[in-house]
PDB file of N, CA and C in Angstrom:
ATOM      1  N   MET A   1     -82.418 -73.520  62.780  1.00  0.00           N
ATOM      2  CA  MET A   1     -83.441 -73.450  61.704  1.00  0.00           C
ATOM      3  C   MET A   1     -82.777 -73.475  60.346  1.00  0.00           C
ATOM      4  N   HIS A   2     -82.770 -74.705  59.817  1.00  0.00           N
ATOM      5  CA  HIS A   2     -82.081 -74.788  58.531  1.00  0.00           C
ATOM      6  C   HIS A   2     -82.960 -74.260  57.379  1.00  0.00           C
ATOM      7  N   GLU A   3     -84.177 -74.032  57.630  1.00  0.00           N
ATOM      8  CA  GLU A   3     -85.036 -73.464  56.541  1.00  0.00           C
ATOM      9  C   GLU A   3     -84.547 -71.979  56.053  1.00  0.00           C
ATOM     10  N   MET A   4     -83.875 -71.293  56.985  1.00  0.00           N
ATOM     11  CA  MET A   4     -83.454 -70.037  56.540  1.00  0.00           C
ATOM     12  C   MET A   4     -82.255 -70.124  55.511  1.00  0.00           C
ATOM     13  N   SER A   5     -81.453 -71.028  55.736  1.00  0.00           N
ATOM     14  CA  SER A   5     -80.257 -71.302  54.825  1.00  0.00           C
ATOM     15  C   SER A   5     -80.853 -71.944  53.428  1.00  0.00           C
ATOM     16  N   ILE A   6     -81.768 -72.726  53.602  1.00  0.00           N
ATOM     17  CA  ILE A   6     -82.474 -73.332  52.328  1.00  0.00           C
ATOM     18  C   ILE A   6     -83.073 -72.069  51.558  1.00  0.00           C
ATOM     19  N   THR A   7     -83.763 -71.325  52.253  1.00  0.00           N
ATOM     20  CA  THR A   7     -84.520 -70.232  51.548  1.00  0.00           C
ATOM     21  C   THR A   7     -83.527 -69.305  50.995  1.00  0.00           C
ATOM     22  N   MET A   8     -82.489 -69.008  51.587  1.00  0.00           N
ATOM     23  CA  MET A   8     -81.468 -68.022  51.000  1.00  0.00           C
ATOM     24  C   MET A   8     -80.834 -68.672  49.682  1.00  0.00           C
ATOM     25  N   SER A   9     -80.580 -69.888  49.782  1.00  0.00           N
ATOM     26  CA  SER A   9     -80.059 -70.557  48.662  1.00  0.00           C
ATOM     27  C   SER A   9     -81.080 -70.662  47.483  1.00  0.00           C
ATOM     28  N   MET A  10     -82.291 -70.909  47.753  1.00  0.00           N
ATOM     29  CA  MET A  10     -83.402 -70.796  46.796  1.00  0.00           C
ATOM     30  C   MET A  10     -83.576 -69.543  46.123  1.00  0.00           C
ATOM     31  N   LEU A  11     -83.594 -68.458  47.025  1.00  0.00           N
ATOM     32  CA  LEU A  11     -83.693 -67.234  46.405  1.00  0.00           C
ATOM     33  C   LEU A  11     -82.467 -66.833  45.499  1.00  0.00           C
ATOM     34  N   ASP A  12     -81.255 -67.155  45.889  1.00  0.00           N
ATOM     35  CA  ASP A  12     -80.079 -67.024  45.035  1.00  0.00           C
ATOM     36  C   ASP A  12     -80.404 -67.706  43.621  1.00  0.00           C
ATOM     37  N   ILE A  13     -80.848 -68.883  43.702  1.00  0.00           N
ATOM     38  CA  ILE A  13     -81.123 -69.581  42.357  1.00  0.00           C
ATOM     39  C   ILE A  13     -82.084 -68.877  41.587  1.00  0.00           C
ATOM     40  N   ILE A  14     -83.307 -68.425  42.208  1.00  0.00           N
ATOM     41  CA  ILE A  14     -84.264 -67.586  41.574  1.00  0.00           C
ATOM     42  C   ILE A  14     -83.762 -66.394  40.918  1.00  0.00           C
ATOM     43  N   ARG A  15     -82.999 -65.677  41.748  1.00  0.00           N
ATOM     44  CA  ARG A  15     -82.429 -64.307  41.265  1.00  0.00           C
ATOM     45  C   ARG A  15     -81.461 -64.624  40.038  1.00  0.00           C
ATOM     46  N   GLU A  16     -80.872 -65.574  40.144  1.00  0.00           N
ATOM     47  CA  GLU A  16     -79.921 -65.990  38.981  1.00  0.00           C
ATOM     48  C   GLU A  16     -80.727 -66.297  37.626  1.00  0.00           C
ATOM     49  N   HIS A  17     -81.712 -66.988  37.843  1.00  0.00           N
ATOM     50  CA  HIS A  17     -82.535 -67.390  36.617  1.00  0.00           C
ATOM     51  C   HIS A  17     -83.361 -66.053  36.083  1.00  0.00           C
ATOM     52  N   MET A  18     -83.774 -65.199  37.088  1.00  0.00           N
ATOM     53  CA  MET A  18     -84.386 -64.048  36.611  1.00  0.00           C
ATOM     54  C   MET A  18     -83.444 -63.111  35.874  1.00  0.00           C
ATOM     55  N   GLU A  19     -82.378 -62.934  36.314  1.00  0.00           N
ATOM     56  CA  GLU A  19     -81.144 -62.089  35.739  1.00  0.00           C
ATOM     57  C   GLU A  19     -81.013 -62.671  34.376  1.00  0.00           C
ATOM     58  N   ARG A  20     -80.799 -64.036  34.223  1.00  0.00           N
ATOM     59  CA  ARG A  20     -80.384 -64.618  33.012  1.00  0.00           C
ATOM     60  C   ARG A  20     -81.514 -64.563  32.075  1.00  0.00           C
ATOM     61  N   ASN A  21     -82.858 -64.446  32.452  1.00  0.00           N
ATOM     62  CA  ASN A  21     -83.911 -64.241  31.478  1.00  0.00           C
ATOM     63  C   ASN A  21     -84.432 -62.925  31.449  1.00  0.00           C
ATOM     64  N   GLY A  22     -83.853 -61.944  31.992  1.00  0.00           N
ATOM     65  CA  GLY A  22     -84.349 -60.595  31.905  1.00  0.00           C
ATOM     66  C   GLY A  22     -85.643 -60.339  32.636  1.00  0.00           C
ATOM     67  N   ALA A  23     -85.890 -60.955  33.632  1.00  0.00           N
ATOM     68  CA  ALA A  23     -87.098 -60.794  34.448  1.00  0.00           C
ATOM     69  C   ALA A  23     -86.898 -59.788  35.573  1.00  0.00           C
ATOM     70  N   CYS A  24     -87.948 -58.970  35.865  1.00  0.00           N
ATOM     71  CA  CYS A  24     -87.910 -58.035  36.775  1.00  0.00           C
ATOM     72  C   CYS A  24     -88.503 -58.180  38.209  1.00  0.00           C
ATOM     73  N   ARG A  25     -89.462 -59.172  37.964  1.00  0.00           N
ATOM     74  CA  ARG A  25     -90.321 -59.293  39.290  1.00  0.00           C
ATOM     75  C   ARG A  25     -90.892 -60.711  39.313  1.00  0.00           C
ATOM     76  N   LEU A  26     -90.694 -61.316  40.497  1.00  0.00           N
ATOM     77  CA  LEU A  26     -91.302 -62.715  40.755  1.00  0.00           C
ATOM     78  C   LEU A  26     -92.688 -62.614  41.147  1.00  0.00           C
ATOM     79  N   ARG A  27     -93.578 -63.387  40.529  1.00  0.00           N
ATOM     80  CA  ARG A  27     -94.954 -63.566  40.881  1.00  0.00           C
ATOM     81  C   ARG A  27     -95.267 -64.760  41.773  1.00  0.00           C
ATOM     82  N   SER A  28     -94.706 -65.808  41.340  1.00  0.00           N
ATOM     83  CA  SER A  28     -94.862 -67.049  42.142  1.00  0.00           C
ATOM     84  C   SER A  28     -93.818 -68.085  41.910  1.00  0.00           C
ATOM     85  N   VAL A  29     -93.755 -68.887  42.901  1.00  0.00           N
ATOM     86  CA  VAL A  29     -92.635 -70.039  42.716  1.00  0.00           C
ATOM     87  C   VAL A  29     -93.130 -71.258  43.288  1.00  0.00           C
ATOM     88  N   GLN A  30     -93.143 -72.252  42.554  1.00  0.00           N
ATOM     89  CA  GLN A  30     -93.495 -73.693  43.026  1.00  0.00           C
ATOM     90  C   GLN A  30     -92.378 -74.537  43.400  1.00  0.00           C
ATOM     91  N   ILE A  31     -92.532 -75.049  44.601  1.00  0.00           N
ATOM     92  CA  ILE A  31     -91.215 -76.068  45.035  1.00  0.00           C
ATOM     93  C   ILE A  31     -91.940 -77.410  45.527  1.00  0.00           C
ATOM     94  N   ARG A  32     -91.173 -78.258  45.499  1.00  0.00           N
ATOM     95  CA  ARG A  32     -91.458 -79.638  46.059  1.00  0.00           C
ATOM     96  C   ARG A  32     -90.621 -79.986  47.325  1.00  0.00           C
ATOM     97  N   VAL A  33     -91.235 -80.421  48.452  1.00  0.00           N
ATOM     98  CA  VAL A  33     -90.526 -80.634  49.525  1.00  0.00           C
ATOM     99  C   VAL A  33     -90.792 -82.091  50.146  1.00  0.00           C
ATOM    100  N   GLY A  34     -89.890 -82.942  50.035  1.00  0.00           N
ATOM    101  CA  GLY A  34     -90.067 -84.250  50.544  1.00  0.00           C
ATOM    102  C   GLY A  34     -90.088 -84.485  51.967  1.00  0.00           C
ATOM    103  N   GLU A  35     -90.871 -85.319  52.414  1.00  0.00           N
ATOM    104  CA  GLU A  35     -91.034 -85.526  53.915  1.00  0.00           C
ATOM    105  C   GLU A  35     -89.759 -85.897  54.587  1.00  0.00           C
ATOM    106  N   LEU A  36     -88.798 -86.422  53.963  1.00  0.00           N
ATOM    107  CA  LEU A  36     -87.523 -86.907  54.530  1.00  0.00           C
ATOM    108  C   LEU A  36     -86.573 -85.733  54.693  1.00  0.00           C
ATOM    109  N   THR A  37     -86.884 -84.544  54.123  1.00  0.00           N
ATOM    110  CA  THR A  37     -85.934 -83.488  54.187  1.00  0.00           C
ATOM    111  C   THR A  37     -86.005 -82.832  55.588  1.00  0.00           C
ATOM    112  N   ALA A  38     -87.008 -83.058  56.276  1.00  0.00           N
ATOM    113  CA  ALA A  38     -87.144 -82.417  57.734  1.00  0.00           C
ATOM    114  C   ALA A  38     -87.345 -80.956  57.463  1.00  0.00           C
ATOM    115  N   VAL A  39     -87.856 -80.439  56.310  1.00  0.00           N
ATOM    116  CA  VAL A  39     -88.175 -79.031  56.149  1.00  0.00           C
ATOM    117  C   VAL A  39     -89.586 -78.769  56.565  1.00  0.00           C
ATOM    118  N   GLU A  40     -89.856 -77.745  57.493  1.00  0.00           N
ATOM    119  CA  GLU A  40     -91.102 -77.348  57.884  1.00  0.00           C
ATOM    120  C   GLU A  40     -91.754 -76.413  56.927  1.00  0.00           C
ATOM    121  N   PRO A  41     -92.798 -76.801  56.067  1.00  0.00           N
ATOM    122  CA  PRO A  41     -93.265 -75.862  55.154  1.00  0.00           C
ATOM    123  C   PRO A  41     -93.752 -74.398  55.689  1.00  0.00           C
ATOM    124  N   GLU A  42     -94.257 -74.411  56.862  1.00  0.00           N
ATOM    125  CA  GLU A  42     -94.562 -72.992  57.349  1.00  0.00           C
ATOM    126  C   GLU A  42     -93.339 -72.216  57.724  1.00  0.00           C
ATOM    127  N   SER A  43     -92.316 -72.917  58.229  1.00  0.00           N
ATOM    128  CA  SER A  43     -91.133 -72.219  58.508  1.00  0.00           C
ATOM    129  C   SER A  43     -90.470 -71.636  57.217  1.00  0.00           C
ATOM    130  N   LEU A  44     -90.503 -72.387  56.168  1.00  0.00           N
ATOM    131  CA  LEU A  44     -89.960 -72.066  54.901  1.00  0.00           C
ATOM    132  C   LEU A  44     -90.833 -70.903  54.391  1.00  0.00           C
ATOM    133  N   ARG A  45     -92.069 -70.857  54.500  1.00  0.00           N
ATOM    134  CA  ARG A  45     -92.951 -69.771  54.110  1.00  0.00           C
ATOM    135  C   ARG A  45     -92.510 -68.416  54.835  1.00  0.00           C
ATOM    136  N   PHE A  46     -92.421 -68.519  56.109  1.00  0.00           N
ATOM    137  CA  PHE A  46     -91.911 -67.397  56.948  1.00  0.00           C
ATOM    138  C   PHE A  46     -90.568 -66.943  56.528  1.00  0.00           C
ATOM    139  N   CYS A  47     -89.624 -67.747  56.258  1.00  0.00           N
ATOM    140  CA  CYS A  47     -88.244 -67.295  55.861  1.00  0.00           C
ATOM    141  C   CYS A  47     -88.369 -66.729  54.432  1.00  0.00           C
ATOM    142  N   PHE A  48     -89.129 -67.300  53.586  1.00  0.00           N
ATOM    143  CA  PHE A  48     -89.229 -66.722  52.241  1.00  0.00           C
ATOM    144  C   PHE A  48     -89.783 -65.231  52.271  1.00  0.00           C
ATOM    145  N   GLU A  49     -90.862 -65.076  53.016  1.00  0.00           N
ATOM    146  CA  GLU A  49     -91.425 -63.776  53.183  1.00  0.00           C
ATOM    147  C   GLU A  49     -90.323 -62.744  53.847  1.00  0.00           C
ATOM    148  N   VAL A  50     -89.696 -63.206  54.817  1.00  0.00           N
ATOM    149  CA  VAL A  50     -88.815 -62.320  55.473  1.00  0.00           C
ATOM    150  C   VAL A  50     -87.645 -61.948  54.552  1.00  0.00           C
ATOM    151  N   CYS A  51     -86.942 -62.898  54.021  1.00  0.00           N
ATOM    152  CA  CYS A  51     -85.786 -62.762  53.152  1.00  0.00           C
ATOM    153  C   CYS A  51     -86.185 -62.100  51.764  1.00  0.00           C
ATOM    154  N   SER A  52     -87.459 -62.175  51.250  1.00  0.00           N
ATOM    155  CA  SER A  52     -87.839 -61.465  50.081  1.00  0.00           C
ATOM    156  C   SER A  52     -88.113 -60.009  50.247  1.00  0.00           C
ATOM    157  N   GLN A  53     -88.437 -59.495  51.336  1.00  0.00           N
ATOM    158  CA  GLN A  53     -88.803 -58.139  51.691  1.00  0.00           C
ATOM    159  C   GLN A  53     -87.745 -57.229  51.161  1.00  0.00           C
ATOM    160  N   GLY A  54     -88.365 -56.162  50.458  1.00  0.00           N
ATOM    161  CA  GLY A  54     -87.611 -55.100  49.877  1.00  0.00           C
ATOM    162  C   GLY A  54     -86.811 -55.557  48.627  1.00  0.00           C
ATOM    163  N   THR A  55     -87.216 -56.657  47.901  1.00  0.00           N
ATOM    164  CA  THR A  55     -86.526 -57.147  46.746  1.00  0.00           C
ATOM    165  C   THR A  55     -87.571 -57.289  45.663  1.00  0.00           C
ATOM    166  N   PRO A  56     -87.092 -57.536  44.470  1.00  0.00           N
ATOM    167  CA  PRO A  56     -88.154 -57.767  43.338  1.00  0.00           C
ATOM    168  C   PRO A  56     -88.891 -59.129  43.507  1.00  0.00           C
ATOM    169  N   LEU A  57     -88.403 -59.905  44.502  1.00  0.00           N
ATOM    170  CA  LEU A  57     -89.205 -61.139  44.889  1.00  0.00           C
ATOM    171  C   LEU A  57     -90.275 -60.908  45.966  1.00  0.00           C
ATOM    172  N   ALA A  58     -90.234 -59.791  46.627  1.00  0.00           N
ATOM    173  CA  ALA A  58     -91.403 -59.491  47.721  1.00  0.00           C
ATOM    174  C   ALA A  58     -92.768 -59.740  47.043  1.00  0.00           C
ATOM    175  N   GLY A  59     -93.629 -60.335  48.032  1.00  0.00           N
ATOM    176  CA  GLY A  59     -94.992 -60.496  47.510  1.00  0.00           C
ATOM    177  C   GLY A  59     -95.246 -61.634  46.631  1.00  0.00           C
ATOM    178  N   ALA A  60     -94.263 -62.362  46.247  1.00  0.00           N
ATOM    179  CA  ALA A  60     -94.473 -63.550  45.425  1.00  0.00           C
ATOM    180  C   ALA A  60     -95.191 -64.649  46.159  1.00  0.00           C
ATOM    181  N   ALA A  61     -96.048 -65.339  45.426  1.00  0.00           N
ATOM    182  CA  ALA A  61     -96.586 -66.526  46.020  1.00  0.00           C
ATOM    183  C   ALA A  61     -95.740 -67.609  46.138  1.00  0.00           C
ATOM    184  N   LEU A  62     -95.693 -68.394  47.257  1.00  0.00           N
ATOM    185  CA  LEU A  62     -94.793 -69.603  47.435  1.00  0.00           C
ATOM    186  C   LEU A  62     -95.711 -70.882  47.496  1.00  0.00           C
ATOM    187  N   ASP A  63     -95.779 -71.601  46.503  1.00  0.00           N
ATOM    188  CA  ASP A  63     -96.659 -72.803  46.409  1.00  0.00           C
ATOM    189  C   ASP A  63     -95.691 -74.041  46.882  1.00  0.00           C
ATOM    190  N   ILE A  64     -95.929 -74.773  47.909  1.00  0.00           N
ATOM    191  CA  ILE A  64     -95.161 -75.835  48.364  1.00  0.00           C
ATOM    192  C   ILE A  64     -95.985 -77.055  48.217  1.00  0.00           C
ATOM    193  N   GLU A  65     -95.475 -77.970  47.414  1.00  0.00           N
ATOM    194  CA  GLU A  65     -95.966 -79.423  47.372  1.00  0.00           C
ATOM    195  C   GLU A  65     -95.174 -80.126  48.277  1.00  0.00           C
ATOM    196  N   GLU A  66     -96.016 -80.842  49.225  1.00  0.00           N
ATOM    197  CA  GLU A  66     -95.236 -81.863  50.137  1.00  0.00           C
ATOM    198  C   GLU A  66     -95.332 -83.087  49.570  1.00  0.00           C
ATOM    199  N   ILE A  67     -94.260 -83.880  49.417  1.00  0.00           N
ATOM    200  CA  ILE A  67     -94.125 -85.148  48.853  1.00  0.00           C
ATOM    201  C   ILE A  67     -93.955 -86.145  50.030  1.00  0.00           C
ATOM    202  N   PRO A  68     -94.878 -87.265  50.219  1.00  0.00           N
ATOM    203  CA  PRO A  68     -94.741 -88.100  51.240  1.00  0.00           C
ATOM    204  C   PRO A  68     -93.542 -89.151  50.864  1.00  0.00           C
ATOM    205  N   HIS A  69     -93.069 -89.699  51.978  1.00  0.00           N
ATOM    206  CA  HIS A  69     -92.001 -90.756  51.889  1.00  0.00           C
ATOM    207  C   HIS A  69     -92.740 -92.106  51.244  1.00  0.00           C
ATOM    208  N   THR A  70     -92.298 -92.369  50.102  1.00  0.00           N
ATOM    209  CA  THR A  70     -92.995 -93.457  49.369  1.00  0.00           C
ATOM    210  C   THR A  70     -91.917 -94.502  48.880  1.00  0.00           C
ATOM    211  N   GLY A  71     -92.317 -95.739  48.956  1.00  0.00           N
ATOM    212  CA  GLY A  71     -91.470 -96.844  48.500  1.00  0.00           C
ATOM    213  C   GLY A  71     -92.324 -97.783  47.539  1.00  0.00           C
ATOM    214  N   LYS A  72     -91.313 -98.653  46.938  1.00  0.00           N
ATOM    215  CA  LYS A  72     -91.846 -99.580  45.967  1.00  0.00           C
ATOM    216  C   LYS A  72     -91.328-100.937  46.500  1.00  0.00           C
ATOM    217  N   CYS A  73     -92.363-101.816  46.827  1.00  0.00           N
ATOM    218  CA  CYS A  73     -91.985-103.058  47.258  1.00  0.00           C
ATOM    219  C   CYS A  73     -91.241-104.023  46.478  1.00  0.00           C
ATOM    220  N   ARG A  74     -90.103-104.490  46.815  1.00  0.00           N
ATOM    221  CA  ARG A  74     -89.208-105.422  46.069  1.00  0.00           C
ATOM    222  C   ARG A  74     -89.849-106.685  45.978  1.00  0.00           C
ATOM    223  N   ASP A  75     -90.879-107.070  46.520  1.00  0.00           N
ATOM    224  CA  ASP A  75     -91.336-108.411  46.377  1.00  0.00           C
ATOM    225  C   ASP A  75     -92.557-108.289  45.247  1.00  0.00           C
ATOM    226  N   CYS A  76     -93.456-107.374  45.428  1.00  0.00           N
ATOM    227  CA  CYS A  76     -94.748-107.392  44.509  1.00  0.00           C
ATOM    228  C   CYS A  76     -94.719-106.174  43.672  1.00  0.00           C
ATOM    229  N   GLY A  77     -93.901-105.072  43.797  1.00  0.00           N
ATOM    230  CA  GLY A  77     -93.724-103.967  43.089  1.00  0.00           C
ATOM    231  C   GLY A  77     -94.791-102.910  43.346  1.00  0.00           C
ATOM    232  N   SER A  78     -95.612-103.096  44.342  1.00  0.00           N
ATOM    233  CA  SER A  78     -96.570-102.045  44.677  1.00  0.00           C
ATOM    234  C   SER A  78     -95.831-100.748  45.289  1.00  0.00           C
ATOM    235  N   GLU A  79     -96.291 -99.640  44.957  1.00  0.00           N
ATOM    236  CA  GLU A  79     -95.828 -98.375  45.561  1.00  0.00           C
ATOM    237  C   GLU A  79     -96.773 -98.104  46.692  1.00  0.00           C
ATOM    238  N   PHE A  80     -96.206 -97.635  47.809  1.00  0.00           N
ATOM    239  CA  PHE A  80     -97.001 -97.335  49.000  1.00  0.00           C
ATOM    240  C   PHE A  80     -96.305 -96.245  49.894  1.00  0.00           C
ATOM    241  N   ARG A  81     -96.969 -95.542  50.790  1.00  0.00           N
ATOM    242  CA  ARG A  81     -96.352 -94.600  51.667  1.00  0.00           C
ATOM    243  C   ARG A  81     -95.641 -95.377  52.761  1.00  0.00           C
ATOM    244  N   ILE A  82     -94.438 -94.937  52.900  1.00  0.00           N
ATOM    245  CA  ILE A  82     -93.704 -95.478  54.132  1.00  0.00           C
ATOM    246  C   ILE A  82     -93.926 -94.768  55.368  1.00  0.00           C
ATOM    247  N   GLU A  83     -94.382 -95.365  56.502  1.00  0.00           N
ATOM    248  CA  GLU A  83     -94.557 -94.738  57.753  1.00  0.00           C
ATOM    249  C   GLU A  83     -93.592 -95.492  58.817  1.00  0.00           C
ATOM    250  N   GLY A  84     -92.995 -94.777  59.453  1.00  0.00           N
ATOM    251  CA  GLY A  84     -92.058 -95.309  60.468  1.00  0.00           C
ATOM    252  C   GLY A  84     -90.799 -95.825  59.757  1.00  0.00           C
ATOM    253  N   PHE A  85     -89.935 -96.509  60.446  1.00  0.00           N
ATOM    254  CA  PHE A  85     -88.594 -96.854  60.002  1.00  0.00           C
ATOM    255  C   PHE A  85     -88.650 -98.094  59.232  1.00  0.00           C
ATOM    256  N   VAL A  86     -89.549 -99.060  59.424  1.00  0.00           N
ATOM    257  CA  VAL A  86     -89.409-100.356  58.514  1.00  0.00           C
ATOM    258  C   VAL A  86     -90.684-100.258  57.549  1.00  0.00           C
ATOM    259  N   PRO A  87     -90.413-100.351  56.210  1.00  0.00           N
ATOM    260  CA  PRO A  87     -91.587-100.417  55.365  1.00  0.00           C
ATOM    261  C   PRO A  87     -92.277-101.667  55.368  1.00  0.00           C
ATOM    262  N   HIS A  88     -93.750-101.600  55.418  1.00  0.00           N
ATOM    263  CA  HIS A  88     -94.546-102.808  55.317  1.00  0.00           C
ATOM    264  C   HIS A  88     -95.469-102.449  54.140  1.00  0.00           C
ATOM    265  N   CYS A  89     -95.276-103.408  53.239  1.00  0.00           N
ATOM    266  CA  CYS A  89     -96.093-103.257  51.957  1.00  0.00           C
ATOM    267  C   CYS A  89     -97.556-103.672  52.300  1.00  0.00           C
ATOM    268  N   PRO A  90     -98.620-102.714  52.041  1.00  0.00           N
ATOM    269  CA  PRO A  90     -99.894-103.050  52.402  1.00  0.00           C
ATOM    270  C   PRO A  90    -100.531-104.144  51.476  1.00  0.00           C
ATOM    271  N   ALA A  91     -99.951-104.303  50.257  1.00  0.00           N
ATOM    272  CA  ALA A  91    -100.307-105.361  49.244  1.00  0.00           C
ATOM    273  C   ALA A  91     -99.995-106.725  49.555  1.00  0.00           C
ATOM    274  N   CYS A  92     -98.721-106.918  50.029  1.00  0.00           N
ATOM    275  CA  CYS A  92     -98.135-108.281  50.206  1.00  0.00           C
ATOM    276  C   CYS A  92     -97.641-108.651  51.486  1.00  0.00           C
ATOM    277  N   GLY A  93     -97.583-107.575  52.315  1.00  0.00           N
ATOM    278  CA  GLY A  93     -96.838-107.702  53.689  1.00  0.00           C
ATOM    279  C   GLY A  93     -95.329-107.692  53.813  1.00  0.00           C
ATOM    280  N   GLY A  94     -94.830-107.660  52.570  1.00  0.00           N
ATOM    281  CA  GLY A  94     -93.327-107.561  52.440  1.00  0.00           C
ATOM    282  C   GLY A  94     -92.621-106.424  53.288  1.00  0.00           C
ATOM    283  N   SER A  95     -91.500-106.560  53.686  1.00  0.00           N
ATOM    284  CA  SER A  95     -90.755-105.528  54.535  1.00  0.00           C
ATOM    285  C   SER A  95     -89.465-104.948  53.773  1.00  0.00           C
ATOM    286  N   SER A  96     -89.423-105.084  52.619  1.00  0.00           N
ATOM    287  CA  SER A  96     -88.231-104.678  51.788  1.00  0.00           C
ATOM    288  C   SER A  96     -88.708-103.778  50.657  1.00  0.00           C
ATOM    289  N   ALA A  97     -88.338-102.552  50.701  1.00  0.00           N
ATOM    290  CA  ALA A  97     -88.799-101.608  49.601  1.00  0.00           C
ATOM    291  C   ALA A  97     -87.686-100.526  49.302  1.00  0.00           C
ATOM    292  N   ASP A  98     -87.782-100.182  48.147  1.00  0.00           N
ATOM    293  CA  ASP A  98     -86.792 -99.171  47.624  1.00  0.00           C
ATOM    294  C   ASP A  98     -87.519 -97.816  47.670  1.00  0.00           C
ATOM    295  N   ARG A  99     -86.905 -96.712  48.139  1.00  0.00           N
ATOM    296  CA  ARG A  99     -87.327 -95.504  48.198  1.00  0.00           C
ATOM    297  C   ARG A  99     -87.595 -94.928  46.860  1.00  0.00           C
ATOM    298  N   VAL A 100     -88.734 -94.331  46.635  1.00  0.00           N
ATOM    299  CA  VAL A 100     -89.128 -93.744  45.227  1.00  0.00           C
ATOM    300  C   VAL A 100     -89.417 -92.210  45.420  1.00  0.00           C
ATOM    301  N   ALA A 101     -89.752 -91.763  46.547  1.00  0.00           N
ATOM    302  CA  ALA A 101     -90.056 -90.377  46.744  1.00  0.00           C
ATOM    303  C   ALA A 101     -89.798 -90.013  48.177  1.00  0.00           C
ATOM    304  N   GLY A 102     -89.629 -88.627  48.542  1.00  0.00           N
ATOM    305  CA  GLY A 102     -89.613 -88.195  49.939  1.00  0.00           C
ATOM    306  C   GLY A 102     -88.407 -87.442  50.150  1.00  0.00           C
ATOM    307  N   ASN A 103     -87.418 -87.472  49.276  1.00  0.00           N
ATOM    308  CA  ASN A 103     -86.067 -86.682  49.591  1.00  0.00           C
ATOM    309  C   ASN A 103     -86.167 -85.405  48.635  1.00  0.00           C
ATOM    310  N   GLU A 104     -87.124 -85.039  47.975  1.00  0.00           N
ATOM    311  CA  GLU A 104     -87.120 -83.845  47.068  1.00  0.00           C
ATOM    312  C   GLU A 104     -86.835 -82.552  47.843  1.00  0.00           C
ATOM    313  N   LEU A 105     -86.299 -81.712  47.151  1.00  0.00           N
ATOM    314  CA  LEU A 105     -86.154 -80.326  47.509  1.00  0.00           C
ATOM    315  C   LEU A 105     -85.872 -79.458  46.238  1.00  0.00           C
ATOM    316  N   ASP A 106     -86.925 -79.299  45.475  1.00  0.00           N
ATOM    317  CA  ASP A 106     -86.743 -78.869  44.243  1.00  0.00           C
ATOM    318  C   ASP A 106     -87.612 -77.527  43.899  1.00  0.00           C
ATOM    319  N   ILE A 107     -87.073 -76.664  43.084  1.00  0.00           N
ATOM    320  CA  ILE A 107     -87.751 -75.574  42.540  1.00  0.00           C
ATOM    321  C   ILE A 107     -88.377 -76.104  41.211  1.00  0.00           C
ATOM    322  N   VAL A 108     -89.584 -76.132  41.046  1.00  0.00           N
ATOM    323  CA  VAL A 108     -90.406 -76.799  40.061  1.00  0.00           C
ATOM    324  C   VAL A 108     -90.604 -75.729  38.843  1.00  0.00           C
ATOM    325  N   SER A 109     -91.133 -74.520  39.202  1.00  0.00           N
ATOM    326  CA  SER A 109     -91.435 -73.448  38.362  1.00  0.00           C
ATOM    327  C   SER A 109     -91.505 -72.088  38.990  1.00  0.00           C
ATOM    328  N   MET A 110     -91.238 -71.182  38.021  1.00  0.00           N
ATOM    329  CA  MET A 110     -91.551 -69.776  38.556  1.00  0.00           C
ATOM    330  C   MET A 110     -92.238 -68.994  37.545  1.00  0.00           C
ATOM    331  N   GLU A 111     -93.143 -68.031  38.053  1.00  0.00           N
ATOM    332  CA  GLU A 111     -93.801 -67.067  37.157  1.00  0.00           C
ATOM    333  C   GLU A 111     -93.160 -65.874  37.425  1.00  0.00           C
ATOM    334  N   VAL A 112     -92.704 -65.009  36.339  1.00  0.00           N
ATOM    335  CA  VAL A 112     -91.978 -63.841  36.451  1.00  0.00           C
ATOM    336  C   VAL A 112     -92.628 -62.775  35.503  1.00  0.00           C
ATOM    337  N   ASP A 113     -92.378 -61.637  35.727  1.00  0.00           N
ATOM    338  CA  ASP A 113     -92.557 -60.510  34.758  1.00  0.00           C
ATOM    339  C   ASP A 113     -91.236 -59.939  34.200  1.00  0.00           C
TER     340      ASP A 113
END
């Protein structure tokens, strides 16, 4: 389960930012998780809850925004959700696209006291 190591790294980053800014308690954190990261949001929530117990991060809300695998058609420029291994543009039928979203694994914001 790589969600545990991801969570521990995320909590290290959060603690570092809290210390740097004199914050004592984490209220909430918002993250983005791309479909291609193979991170299971519910597993991430579980790991976050377990790893934050007994710390100033305990009880914080974890808001996870799931980002779909999205591409931009090289032929017509349309953006669309890519499903499967070969992108098929719904606008023109093209099968060549550049990835524009889906690899994200970012901390977007934190609310602290």
